[in-house]
PDB file of N, CA and C in Angstrom:
ATOM      1  N   MET A   1       0.746  -1.016  -0.067  1.00  0.00           N
ATOM      2  CA  MET A   1      -0.287   0.035  -0.388  1.00  0.00           C
ATOM      3  C   MET A   1       0.874   1.130   0.139  1.00  0.00           C
ATOM      4  N   ARG A   2       0.535   2.295  -1.035  1.00  0.00           N
ATOM      5  CA  ARG A   2       1.116   3.532  -0.933  1.00  0.00           C
ATOM      6  C   ARG A   2       0.141   4.606  -0.286  1.00  0.00           C
ATOM      7  N   THR A   3       1.403   5.409   0.441  1.00  0.00           N
ATOM      8  CA  THR A   3       0.492   6.413   1.315  1.00  0.00           C
ATOM      9  C   THR A   3       0.359   7.690   0.307  1.00  0.00           C
ATOM     10  N   LEU A   4      -0.607   8.222   0.114  1.00  0.00           N
ATOM     11  CA  LEU A   4      -0.844   9.725  -0.470  1.00  0.00           C
ATOM     12  C   LEU A   4      -1.107  10.919   0.145  1.00  0.00           C
ATOM     13  N   LYS A   5      -0.206  12.048   0.196  1.00  0.00           N
ATOM     14  CA  LYS A   5      -0.213  13.316   0.716  1.00  0.00           C
ATOM     15  C   LYS A   5      -1.744  13.898   0.036  1.00  0.00           C
ATOM     16  N   THR A   6      -2.083  14.877   0.701  1.00  0.00           N
ATOM     17  CA  THR A   6      -3.204  15.692  -0.171  1.00  0.00           C
ATOM     18  C   THR A   6      -2.969  16.035  -1.643  1.00  0.00           C
ATOM     19  N   GLU A   7      -1.924  16.791  -1.576  1.00  0.00           N
ATOM     20  CA  GLU A   7      -1.717  17.451  -3.211  1.00  0.00           C
ATOM     21  C   GLU A   7      -1.599  16.297  -4.117  1.00  0.00           C
ATOM     22  N   GLU A   8      -1.057  14.874  -3.771  1.00  0.00           N
ATOM     23  CA  GLU A   8      -0.969  13.815  -4.664  1.00  0.00           C
ATOM     24  C   GLU A   8      -2.277  13.210  -5.060  1.00  0.00           C
ATOM     25  N   LEU A   9      -3.194  13.025  -4.014  1.00  0.00           N
ATOM     26  CA  LEU A   9      -4.416  12.851  -4.139  1.00  0.00           C
ATOM     27  C   LEU A   9      -5.339  13.989  -5.258  1.00  0.00           C
ATOM     28  N   LYS A  10      -5.235  15.060  -4.555  1.00  0.00           N
ATOM     29  CA  LYS A  10      -5.740  16.128  -5.659  1.00  0.00           C
ATOM     30  C   LYS A  10      -5.027  15.758  -7.069  1.00  0.00           C
ATOM     31  N   ALA A  11      -3.897  15.564  -7.423  1.00  0.00           N
ATOM     32  CA  ALA A  11      -3.258  15.490  -8.788  1.00  0.00           C
ATOM     33  C   ALA A  11      -4.348  14.494  -9.338  1.00  0.00           C
ATOM     34  N   LYS A  12      -4.004  13.252  -8.566  1.00  0.00           N
ATOM     35  CA  LYS A  12      -4.754  11.831  -9.301  1.00  0.00           C
ATOM     36  C   LYS A  12      -6.263  12.524  -9.514  1.00  0.00           C
ATOM     37  N   MET A  13      -7.084  13.115  -8.885  1.00  0.00           N
ATOM     38  CA  MET A  13      -8.392  13.272  -9.090  1.00  0.00           C
ATOM     39  C   MET A  13      -8.638  13.903 -10.369  1.00  0.00           C
ATOM     40  N   GLU A  14      -7.622  15.202 -10.468  1.00  0.00           N
ATOM     41  CA  GLU A  14      -7.740  15.952 -11.610  1.00  0.00           C
ATOM     42  C   GLU A  14      -7.605  15.543 -12.616  1.00  0.00           C
ATOM     43  N   ASN A  15      -6.697  14.593 -12.762  1.00  0.00           N
ATOM     44  CA  ASN A  15      -6.273  13.662 -13.812  1.00  0.00           C
ATOM     45  C   ASN A  15      -7.100  12.197 -13.977  1.00  0.00           C
ATOM     46  N   ASP A  16      -8.033  11.896 -13.368  1.00  0.00           N
ATOM     47  CA  ASP A  16      -8.736  11.194 -13.260  1.00  0.00           C
ATOM     48  C   ASP A  16      -7.897   9.812 -13.270  1.00  0.00           C
ATOM     49  N   GLU A  17      -6.864   9.471 -12.456  1.00  0.00           N
ATOM     50  CA  GLU A  17      -6.229   8.673 -12.353  1.00  0.00           C
ATOM     51  C   GLU A  17      -6.641   7.418 -11.388  1.00  0.00           C
ATOM     52  N   ALA A  18      -7.594   7.458 -10.458  1.00  0.00           N
ATOM     53  CA  ALA A  18      -7.891   6.568  -9.451  1.00  0.00           C
ATOM     54  C   ALA A  18      -9.390   6.556  -9.167  1.00  0.00           C
ATOM     55  N   VAL A  19      -9.668   5.822  -8.829  1.00  0.00           N
ATOM     56  CA  VAL A  19     -11.155   5.327  -7.955  1.00  0.00           C
ATOM     57  C   VAL A  19     -10.819   5.811  -6.859  1.00  0.00           C
ATOM     58  N   VAL A  20     -11.478   6.801  -5.930  1.00  0.00           N
ATOM     59  CA  VAL A  20     -11.524   7.373  -4.801  1.00  0.00           C
ATOM     60  C   VAL A  20     -12.882   6.799  -3.947  1.00  0.00           C
ATOM     61  N   ILE A  21     -12.404   5.945  -3.023  1.00  0.00           N
ATOM     62  CA  ILE A  21     -13.536   5.273  -2.175  1.00  0.00           C
ATOM     63  C   ILE A  21     -13.298   5.833  -0.518  1.00  0.00           C
ATOM     64  N   GLU A  22     -14.237   6.385  -0.194  1.00  0.00           N
ATOM     65  CA  GLU A  22     -14.673   6.454   1.410  1.00  0.00           C
ATOM     66  C   GLU A  22     -15.162   5.102   2.030  1.00  0.00           C
ATOM     67  N   VAL A  23     -14.359   4.970   3.056  1.00  0.00           N
ATOM     68  CA  VAL A  23     -14.638   3.347   3.477  1.00  0.00           C
ATOM     69  C   VAL A  23     -15.422   3.375   4.912  1.00  0.00           C
ATOM     70  N   LEU A  24     -16.040   4.849   5.228  1.00  0.00           N
ATOM     71  CA  LEU A  24     -16.725   4.890   6.350  1.00  0.00           C
ATOM     72  C   LEU A  24     -18.191   4.363   6.069  1.00  0.00           C
ATOM     73  N   LYS A  25     -18.924   4.281   7.078  1.00  0.00           N
ATOM     74  CA  LYS A  25     -20.348   3.931   6.958  1.00  0.00           C
ATOM     75  C   LYS A  25     -20.957   4.981   5.962  1.00  0.00           C
ATOM     76  N   GLU A  26     -22.325   4.354   5.293  1.00  0.00           N
ATOM     77  CA  GLU A  26     -23.043   5.420   4.501  1.00  0.00           C
ATOM     78  C   GLU A  26     -23.422   6.651   5.320  1.00  0.00           C
ATOM     79  N   GLU A  27     -23.572   6.629   6.759  1.00  0.00           N
ATOM     80  CA  GLU A  27     -24.265   7.723   7.255  1.00  0.00           C
ATOM     81  C   GLU A  27     -23.372   8.668   7.206  1.00  0.00           C
ATOM     82  N   ASP A  28     -22.089   8.305   7.389  1.00  0.00           N
ATOM     83  CA  ASP A  28     -20.890   9.450   7.465  1.00  0.00           C
ATOM     84  C   ASP A  28     -20.528   9.950   6.132  1.00  0.00           C
ATOM     85  N   TYR A  29     -20.627   9.013   4.911  1.00  0.00           N
ATOM     86  CA  TYR A  29     -20.491   9.552   3.700  1.00  0.00           C
ATOM     87  C   TYR A  29     -21.259  10.425   3.449  1.00  0.00           C
ATOM     88  N   ASN A  30     -22.681  10.067   3.664  1.00  0.00           N
ATOM     89  CA  ASN A  30     -23.638  11.000   3.206  1.00  0.00           C
ATOM     90  C   ASN A  30     -23.601  12.673   3.830  1.00  0.00           C
ATOM     91  N   LYS A  31     -23.010  12.704   5.134  1.00  0.00           N
ATOM     92  CA  LYS A  31     -22.983  14.057   5.722  1.00  0.00           C
ATOM     93  C   LYS A  31     -21.744  15.118   5.352  1.00  0.00           C
ATOM     94  N   SER A  32     -21.014  14.276   4.592  1.00  0.00           N
ATOM     95  CA  SER A  32     -19.861  14.876   3.822  1.00  0.00           C
ATOM     96  C   SER A  32     -18.878  14.267   3.345  1.00  0.00           C
ATOM     97  N   HIS A  33     -18.131  14.365   2.220  1.00  0.00           N
ATOM     98  CA  HIS A  33     -17.157  13.377   1.714  1.00  0.00           C
ATOM     99  C   HIS A  33     -16.633  14.243   0.435  1.00  0.00           C
ATOM    100  N   ILE A  34     -15.060  13.800   0.057  1.00  0.00           N
ATOM    101  CA  ILE A  34     -14.520  14.306  -1.154  1.00  0.00           C
ATOM    102  C   ILE A  34     -15.156  14.237  -2.046  1.00  0.00           C
ATOM    103  N   LYS A  35     -15.396  15.252  -2.605  1.00  0.00           N
ATOM    104  CA  LYS A  35     -15.882  15.392  -3.772  1.00  0.00           C
ATOM    105  C   LYS A  35     -15.429  14.383  -5.011  1.00  0.00           C
ATOM    106  N   GLY A  36     -16.337  13.682  -5.707  1.00  0.00           N
ATOM    107  CA  GLY A  36     -16.327  12.677  -6.607  1.00  0.00           C
ATOM    108  C   GLY A  36     -15.857  11.497  -6.121  1.00  0.00           C
ATOM    109  N   ALA A  37     -15.806  11.529  -4.694  1.00  0.00           N
ATOM    110  CA  ALA A  37     -15.486   9.853  -3.755  1.00  0.00           C
ATOM    111  C   ALA A  37     -16.819   9.146  -3.778  1.00  0.00           C
ATOM    112  N   ILE A  38     -16.270   7.826  -4.020  1.00  0.00           N
ATOM    113  CA  ILE A  38     -17.807   6.856  -3.764  1.00  0.00           C
ATOM    114  C   ILE A  38     -17.637   6.508  -2.594  1.00  0.00           C
ATOM    115  N   ASN A  39     -18.518   5.602  -2.068  1.00  0.00           N
ATOM    116  CA  ASN A  39     -18.555   5.120  -0.921  1.00  0.00           C
ATOM    117  C   ASN A  39     -18.900   3.391  -0.941  1.00  0.00           C
ATOM    118  N   ILE A  40     -17.840   2.859  -0.158  1.00  0.00           N
ATOM    119  CA  ILE A  40     -17.985   1.679  -0.417  1.00  0.00           C
ATOM    120  C   ILE A  40     -17.530   1.207   1.116  1.00  0.00           C
ATOM    121  N   PRO A  41     -18.385   1.134   2.377  1.00  0.00           N
ATOM    122  CA  PRO A  41     -17.967   0.753   3.691  1.00  0.00           C
ATOM    123  C   PRO A  41     -16.876  -0.325   3.782  1.00  0.00           C
ATOM    124  N   LEU A  42     -16.074  -0.512   4.947  1.00  0.00           N
ATOM    125  CA  LEU A  42     -15.207  -1.292   4.827  1.00  0.00           C
ATOM    126  C   LEU A  42     -15.643  -2.867   4.918  1.00  0.00           C
ATOM    127  N   ARG A  43     -16.942  -2.982   5.781  1.00  0.00           N
ATOM    128  CA  ARG A  43     -17.494  -4.316   6.012  1.00  0.00           C
ATOM    129  C   ARG A  43     -17.621  -5.091   4.568  1.00  0.00           C
ATOM    130  N   ILE A  44     -18.017  -4.161   3.836  1.00  0.00           N
ATOM    131  CA  ILE A  44     -18.139  -4.774   2.254  1.00  0.00           C
ATOM    132  C   ILE A  44     -17.208  -4.575   1.124  1.00  0.00           C
ATOM    133  N   ILE A  45     -16.078  -3.743   1.633  1.00  0.00           N
ATOM    134  CA  ILE A  45     -15.078  -3.392   0.584  1.00  0.00           C
ATOM    135  C   ILE A  45     -14.805  -4.800  -0.266  1.00  0.00           C
ATOM    136  N   GLY A  46     -14.255  -5.539   0.096  1.00  0.00           N
ATOM    137  CA  GLY A  46     -13.654  -6.697  -0.366  1.00  0.00           C
ATOM    138  C   GLY A  46     -14.472  -7.261  -1.424  1.00  0.00           C
ATOM    139  N   HIS A  47     -15.769  -7.411  -1.425  1.00  0.00           N
ATOM    140  CA  HIS A  47     -16.712  -8.318  -2.280  1.00  0.00           C
ATOM    141  C   HIS A  47     -16.984  -7.391  -3.190  1.00  0.00           C
ATOM    142  N   GLU A  48     -17.383  -6.221  -2.818  1.00  0.00           N
ATOM    143  CA  GLU A  48     -17.896  -4.926  -3.925  1.00  0.00           C
ATOM    144  C   GLU A  48     -16.791  -4.588  -4.833  1.00  0.00           C
ATOM    145  N   ALA A  49     -15.502  -4.743  -4.018  1.00  0.00           N
ATOM    146  CA  ALA A  49     -14.327  -4.339  -5.469  1.00  0.00           C
ATOM    147  C   ALA A  49     -13.972  -5.454  -6.236  1.00  0.00           C
ATOM    148  N   GLU A  50     -14.134  -6.565  -5.689  1.00  0.00           N
ATOM    149  CA  GLU A  50     -14.141  -7.527  -6.660  1.00  0.00           C
ATOM    150  C   GLU A  50     -15.111  -7.626  -7.746  1.00  0.00           C
ATOM    151  N   LYS A  51     -16.479  -7.212  -7.262  1.00  0.00           N
ATOM    152  CA  LYS A  51     -17.549  -7.030  -8.576  1.00  0.00           C
ATOM    153  C   LYS A  51     -17.385  -6.025  -9.533  1.00  0.00           C
ATOM    154  N   ARG A  52     -16.492  -4.810  -9.015  1.00  0.00           N
ATOM    155  CA  ARG A  52     -16.616  -3.451 -10.091  1.00  0.00           C
ATOM    156  C   ARG A  52     -15.391  -3.083 -10.407  1.00  0.00           C
ATOM    157  N   PHE A  53     -14.103  -3.549  -9.661  1.00  0.00           N
ATOM    158  CA  PHE A  53     -12.982  -3.084 -10.258  1.00  0.00           C
ATOM    159  C   PHE A  53     -11.945  -4.048 -10.714  1.00  0.00           C
ATOM    160  N   ASP A  54     -11.295  -3.538 -11.458  1.00  0.00           N
ATOM    161  CA  ASP A  54     -10.143  -4.583 -12.060  1.00  0.00           C
ATOM    162  C   ASP A  54      -9.074  -4.473 -11.032  1.00  0.00           C
ATOM    163  N   LYS A  55      -8.465  -5.855 -10.877  1.00  0.00           N
ATOM    164  CA  LYS A  55      -7.190  -6.074  -9.922  1.00  0.00           C
ATOM    165  C   LYS A  55      -5.866  -4.917 -10.055  1.00  0.00           C
ATOM    166  N   ASP A  56      -6.076  -4.203 -11.313  1.00  0.00           N
ATOM    167  CA  ASP A  56      -4.652  -3.527 -11.574  1.00  0.00           C
ATOM    168  C   ASP A  56      -5.104  -1.956 -11.603  1.00  0.00           C
ATOM    169  N   GLU A  57      -6.695  -1.782 -11.184  1.00  0.00           N
ATOM    170  CA  GLU A  57      -7.278  -0.325 -11.253  1.00  0.00           C
ATOM    171  C   GLU A  57      -6.620   0.475 -10.254  1.00  0.00           C
ATOM    172  N   PRO A  58      -6.190   1.527 -10.389  1.00  0.00           N
ATOM    173  CA  PRO A  58      -5.714   2.294  -8.954  1.00  0.00           C
ATOM    174  C   PRO A  58      -7.100   2.788  -8.252  1.00  0.00           C
ATOM    175  N   ILE A  59      -6.963   2.286  -7.000  1.00  0.00           N
ATOM    176  CA  ILE A  59      -7.752   2.591  -6.045  1.00  0.00           C
ATOM    177  C   ILE A  59      -7.138   3.364  -4.897  1.00  0.00           C
ATOM    178  N   VAL A  60      -7.921   4.469  -4.402  1.00  0.00           N
ATOM    179  CA  VAL A  60      -7.351   5.422  -3.048  1.00  0.00           C
ATOM    180  C   VAL A  60      -8.744   5.153  -2.041  1.00  0.00           C
ATOM    181  N   VAL A  61      -8.308   4.762  -0.801  1.00  0.00           N
ATOM    182  CA  VAL A  61      -9.104   4.486   0.114  1.00  0.00           C
ATOM    183  C   VAL A  61      -8.914   5.373   0.984  1.00  0.00           C
ATOM    184  N   TYR A  62     -10.033   6.194   1.731  1.00  0.00           N
ATOM    185  CA  TYR A  62      -9.789   6.893   2.827  1.00  0.00           C
ATOM    186  C   TYR A  62     -11.043   6.924   4.004  1.00  0.00           C
ATOM    187  N   CYS A  63     -10.369   7.555   5.107  1.00  0.00           N
ATOM    188  CA  CYS A  63     -11.934   7.572   5.950  1.00  0.00           C
ATOM    189  C   CYS A  63     -11.357   9.028   6.538  1.00  0.00           C
ATOM    190  N   SER A  64     -11.916   9.209   8.075  1.00  0.00           N
ATOM    191  CA  SER A  64     -12.020  10.451   8.572  1.00  0.00           C
ATOM    192  C   SER A  64     -10.656  11.138   8.812  1.00  0.00           C
ATOM    193  N   ASP A  65      -9.813  10.637   9.011  1.00  0.00           N
ATOM    194  CA  ASP A  65      -8.584  11.450   9.504  1.00  0.00           C
ATOM    195  C   ASP A  65      -7.344  10.310   9.680  1.00  0.00           C
ATOM    196  N   LYS A  66      -6.477  10.999  10.050  1.00  0.00           N
ATOM    197  CA  LYS A  66      -4.915  10.270  10.218  1.00  0.00           C
ATOM    198  C   LYS A  66      -5.224   9.054  11.281  1.00  0.00           C
ATOM    199  N   ASP A  67      -6.173   9.181  12.292  1.00  0.00           N
ATOM    200  CA  ASP A  67      -6.331   8.240  13.444  1.00  0.00           C
ATOM    201  C   ASP A  67      -6.947   7.288  13.293  1.00  0.00           C
ATOM    202  N   CYS A  68      -7.789   7.339  12.042  1.00  0.00           N
ATOM    203  CA  CYS A  68      -8.935   5.945  11.603  1.00  0.00           C
ATOM    204  C   CYS A  68      -8.248   5.091  11.362  1.00  0.00           C
ATOM    205  N   ALA A  69      -8.820   3.783  11.865  1.00  0.00           N
ATOM    206  CA  ALA A  69      -7.986   2.579  11.412  1.00  0.00           C
ATOM    207  C   ALA A  69      -8.807   1.905  10.304  1.00  0.00           C
ATOM    208  N   ALA A  70      -9.986   2.482   9.702  1.00  0.00           N
ATOM    209  CA  ALA A  70     -10.890   1.772   8.523  1.00  0.00           C
ATOM    210  C   ALA A  70      -9.925   1.987   7.337  1.00  0.00           C
ATOM    211  N   SER A  71      -9.355   3.111   6.748  1.00  0.00           N
ATOM    212  CA  SER A  71      -8.752   2.934   5.483  1.00  0.00           C
ATOM    213  C   SER A  71      -7.848   2.108   5.728  1.00  0.00           C
ATOM    214  N   PRO A  72      -6.621   1.955   6.371  1.00  0.00           N
ATOM    215  CA  PRO A  72      -5.652   0.846   6.183  1.00  0.00           C
ATOM    216  C   PRO A  72      -6.060  -0.328   6.161  1.00  0.00           C
ATOM    217  N   ALA A  73      -6.973  -0.459   6.853  1.00  0.00           N
ATOM    218  CA  ALA A  73      -7.932  -1.945   7.206  1.00  0.00           C
ATOM    219  C   ALA A  73      -8.262  -2.461   5.635  1.00  0.00           C
ATOM    220  N   ALA A  74      -9.101  -1.478   5.191  1.00  0.00           N
ATOM    221  CA  ALA A  74      -9.464  -1.354   3.416  1.00  0.00           C
ATOM    222  C   ALA A  74      -8.544  -1.700   2.545  1.00  0.00           C
ATOM    223  N   ALA A  75      -7.391  -1.066   2.669  1.00  0.00           N
ATOM    224  CA  ALA A  75      -6.057  -1.293   1.824  1.00  0.00           C
ATOM    225  C   ALA A  75      -5.702  -2.555   2.170  1.00  0.00           C
ATOM    226  N   LYS A  76      -5.312  -3.128   3.307  1.00  0.00           N
ATOM    227  CA  LYS A  76      -4.560  -4.326   3.320  1.00  0.00           C
ATOM    228  C   LYS A  76      -5.880  -5.361   2.801  1.00  0.00           C
ATOM    229  N   LYS A  77      -6.858  -5.281   3.079  1.00  0.00           N
ATOM    230  CA  LYS A  77      -8.127  -6.248   2.413  1.00  0.00           C
ATOM    231  C   LYS A  77      -8.012  -6.304   0.914  1.00  0.00           C
ATOM    232  N   LEU A  78      -7.886  -5.417   0.265  1.00  0.00           N
ATOM    233  CA  LEU A  78      -7.549  -5.190  -0.958  1.00  0.00           C
ATOM    234  C   LEU A  78      -6.676  -5.808  -1.576  1.00  0.00           C
ATOM    235  N   GLU A  79      -5.599  -5.459  -0.913  1.00  0.00           N
ATOM    236  CA  GLU A  79      -3.955  -5.952  -1.393  1.00  0.00           C
ATOM    237  C   GLU A  79      -4.155  -7.500  -1.198  1.00  0.00           C
ATOM    238  N   ASP A  80      -4.811  -7.875   0.139  1.00  0.00           N
ATOM    239  CA  ASP A  80      -4.840  -9.191   0.517  1.00  0.00           C
ATOM    240  C   ASP A  80      -5.599 -10.256  -0.700  1.00  0.00           C
ATOM    241  N   LEU A  81      -6.321  -9.545  -1.180  1.00  0.00           N
ATOM    242  CA  LEU A  81      -7.411  -9.869  -2.584  1.00  0.00           C
ATOM    243  C   LEU A  81      -6.665 -10.203  -3.985  1.00  0.00           C
ATOM    244  N   GLY A  82      -5.419  -9.122  -3.855  1.00  0.00           N
ATOM    245  CA  GLY A  82      -4.817  -9.223  -5.334  1.00  0.00           C
ATOM    246  C   GLY A  82      -4.892  -7.985  -6.136  1.00  0.00           C
ATOM    247  N   PHE A  83      -5.488  -6.860  -5.181  1.00  0.00           N
ATOM    248  CA  PHE A  83      -5.522  -5.733  -6.222  1.00  0.00           C
ATOM    249  C   PHE A  83      -4.035  -5.156  -5.778  1.00  0.00           C
ATOM    250  N   THR A  84      -3.416  -4.396  -6.915  1.00  0.00           N
ATOM    251  CA  THR A  84      -1.907  -4.281  -7.181  1.00  0.00           C
ATOM    252  C   THR A  84      -1.885  -2.718  -6.918  1.00  0.00           C
ATOM    253  N   LEU A  85      -2.788  -1.659  -7.097  1.00  0.00           N
ATOM    254  CA  LEU A  85      -2.509  -0.237  -7.284  1.00  0.00           C
ATOM    255  C   LEU A  85      -3.515   0.255  -6.119  1.00  0.00           C
ATOM    256  N   ILE A  86      -3.167  -0.144  -4.855  1.00  0.00           N
ATOM    257  CA  ILE A  86      -3.991   0.764  -3.595  1.00  0.00           C
ATOM    258  C   ILE A  86      -2.972   1.478  -3.057  1.00  0.00           C
ATOM    259  N   TYR A  87      -4.083   2.669  -2.789  1.00  0.00           N
ATOM    260  CA  TYR A  87      -3.465   3.805  -1.992  1.00  0.00           C
ATOM    261  C   TYR A  87      -4.268   4.329  -0.859  1.00  0.00           C
ATOM    262  N   HIS A  88      -3.529   4.599  -0.174  1.00  0.00           N
ATOM    263  CA  HIS A  88      -4.007   5.230   1.390  1.00  0.00           C
ATOM    264  C   HIS A  88      -3.834   6.900   1.314  1.00  0.00           C
ATOM    265  N   PHE A  89      -4.791   7.491   1.270  1.00  0.00           N
ATOM    266  CA  PHE A  89      -4.544   8.863   1.656  1.00  0.00           C
ATOM    267  C   PHE A  89      -4.863   8.864   3.407  1.00  0.00           C
ATOM    268  N   LYS A  90      -3.713   8.737   3.839  1.00  0.00           N
ATOM    269  CA  LYS A  90      -3.702   8.858   5.527  1.00  0.00           C
ATOM    270  C   LYS A  90      -4.670  10.062   6.024  1.00  0.00           C
ATOM    271  N   GLY A  91      -4.907  11.091   5.639  1.00  0.00           N
ATOM    272  CA  GLY A  91      -5.275  12.214   6.321  1.00  0.00           C
ATOM    273  C   GLY A  91      -6.662  12.624   6.098  1.00  0.00           C
ATOM    274  N   GLY A  92      -7.412  11.724   5.360  1.00  0.00           N
ATOM    275  CA  GLY A  92      -8.628  11.482   5.396  1.00  0.00           C
ATOM    276  C   GLY A  92      -9.621  12.875   4.776  1.00  0.00           C
ATOM    277  N   LYS A  93     -10.670  12.654   5.098  1.00  0.00           N
ATOM    278  CA  LYS A  93     -11.469  14.039   4.710  1.00  0.00           C
ATOM    279  C   LYS A  93     -11.358  15.160   5.907  1.00  0.00           C
ATOM    280  N   LYS A  94     -10.810  14.827   7.029  1.00  0.00           N
ATOM    281  CA  LYS A  94     -10.299  16.213   7.711  1.00  0.00           C
ATOM    282  C   LYS A  94      -9.123  16.871   7.091  1.00  0.00           C
ATOM    283  N   ALA A  95      -8.220  16.230   6.446  1.00  0.00           N
ATOM    284  CA  ALA A  95      -7.020  16.870   5.856  1.00  0.00           C
ATOM    285  C   ALA A  95      -7.513  17.769   4.355  1.00  0.00           C
ATOM    286  N   TRP A  96      -8.311  16.963   3.733  1.00  0.00           N
ATOM    287  CA  TRP A  96      -9.063  17.297   2.492  1.00  0.00           C
ATOM    288  C   TRP A  96      -9.581  18.565   2.822  1.00  0.00           C
ATOM    289  N   LYS A  97     -10.600  18.541   4.224  1.00  0.00           N
ATOM    290  CA  LYS A  97     -11.443  19.840   4.152  1.00  0.00           C
ATOM    291  C   LYS A  97     -10.324  21.095   4.721  1.00  0.00           C
ATOM    292  N   GLU A  98      -9.514  20.516   5.548  1.00  0.00           N
ATOM    293  CA  GLU A  98      -8.692  21.621   6.282  1.00  0.00           C
ATOM    294  C   GLU A  98      -7.770  22.384   4.910  1.00  0.00           C
ATOM    295  N   ALA A  99      -7.375  21.676   3.788  1.00  0.00           N
ATOM    296  CA  ALA A  99      -6.916  22.401   2.568  1.00  0.00           C
ATOM    297  C   ALA A  99      -7.637  23.155   1.943  1.00  0.00           C
ATOM    298  N   GLU A 100      -9.231  23.172   2.055  1.00  0.00           N
ATOM    299  CA  GLU A 100     -10.340  23.965   1.607  1.00  0.00           C
ATOM    300  C   GLU A 100     -10.700  23.573   0.076  1.00  0.00           C
ATOM    301  N   LEU A 101     -10.277  21.645   0.162  1.00  0.00           N
ATOM    302  CA  LEU A 101     -10.710  21.051  -1.143  1.00  0.00           C
ATOM    303  C   LEU A 101     -12.128  21.037  -1.192  1.00  0.00           C
ATOM    304  N   PRO A 102     -12.632  20.812  -2.532  1.00  0.00           N
ATOM    305  CA  PRO A 102     -14.356  20.508  -2.563  1.00  0.00           C
ATOM    306  C   PRO A 102     -14.481  18.975  -2.027  1.00  0.00           C
ATOM    307  N   MET A 103     -15.435  19.637  -0.953  1.00  0.00           N
ATOM    308  CA  MET A 103     -16.189  18.569  -0.248  1.00  0.00           C
ATOM    309  C   MET A 103     -17.740  18.708  -0.940  1.00  0.00           C
ATOM    310  N   GLU A 104     -18.682  17.317  -0.392  1.00  0.00           N
ATOM    311  CA  GLU A 104     -19.784  17.190  -0.809  1.00  0.00           C
ATOM    312  C   GLU A 104     -20.900  16.245   0.067  1.00  0.00           C
ATOM    313  N   SER A 105     -22.012  16.717  -0.081  1.00  0.00           N
ATOM    314  CA  SER A 105     -22.721  15.969   1.032  1.00  0.00           C
ATOM    315  C   SER A 105     -24.268  15.674   0.283  1.00  0.00           C
TER     316      SER A 105
END
């Protein structure tokens, strides 16, 4: 798993270089999320990812902030399933919001 900083994620999103997934519960996603991100909660990410994405498709996972354990767990689960281009945005939506980047709800 590779870790991304805010500017690196911003560049990937601007260039449409990865699927960005918030791994928190749907209620948290609906309150606010990184603009353009989709929601696949941690509890179902393996099953959903295998149905929806190619194993070599770049995928970025994130959760609420740097202390949240859900996104590292999601990244590990995806790697264990054979996905090869998994990125973890460690700062999560807190860092994204603090950088005054687009959020939606």
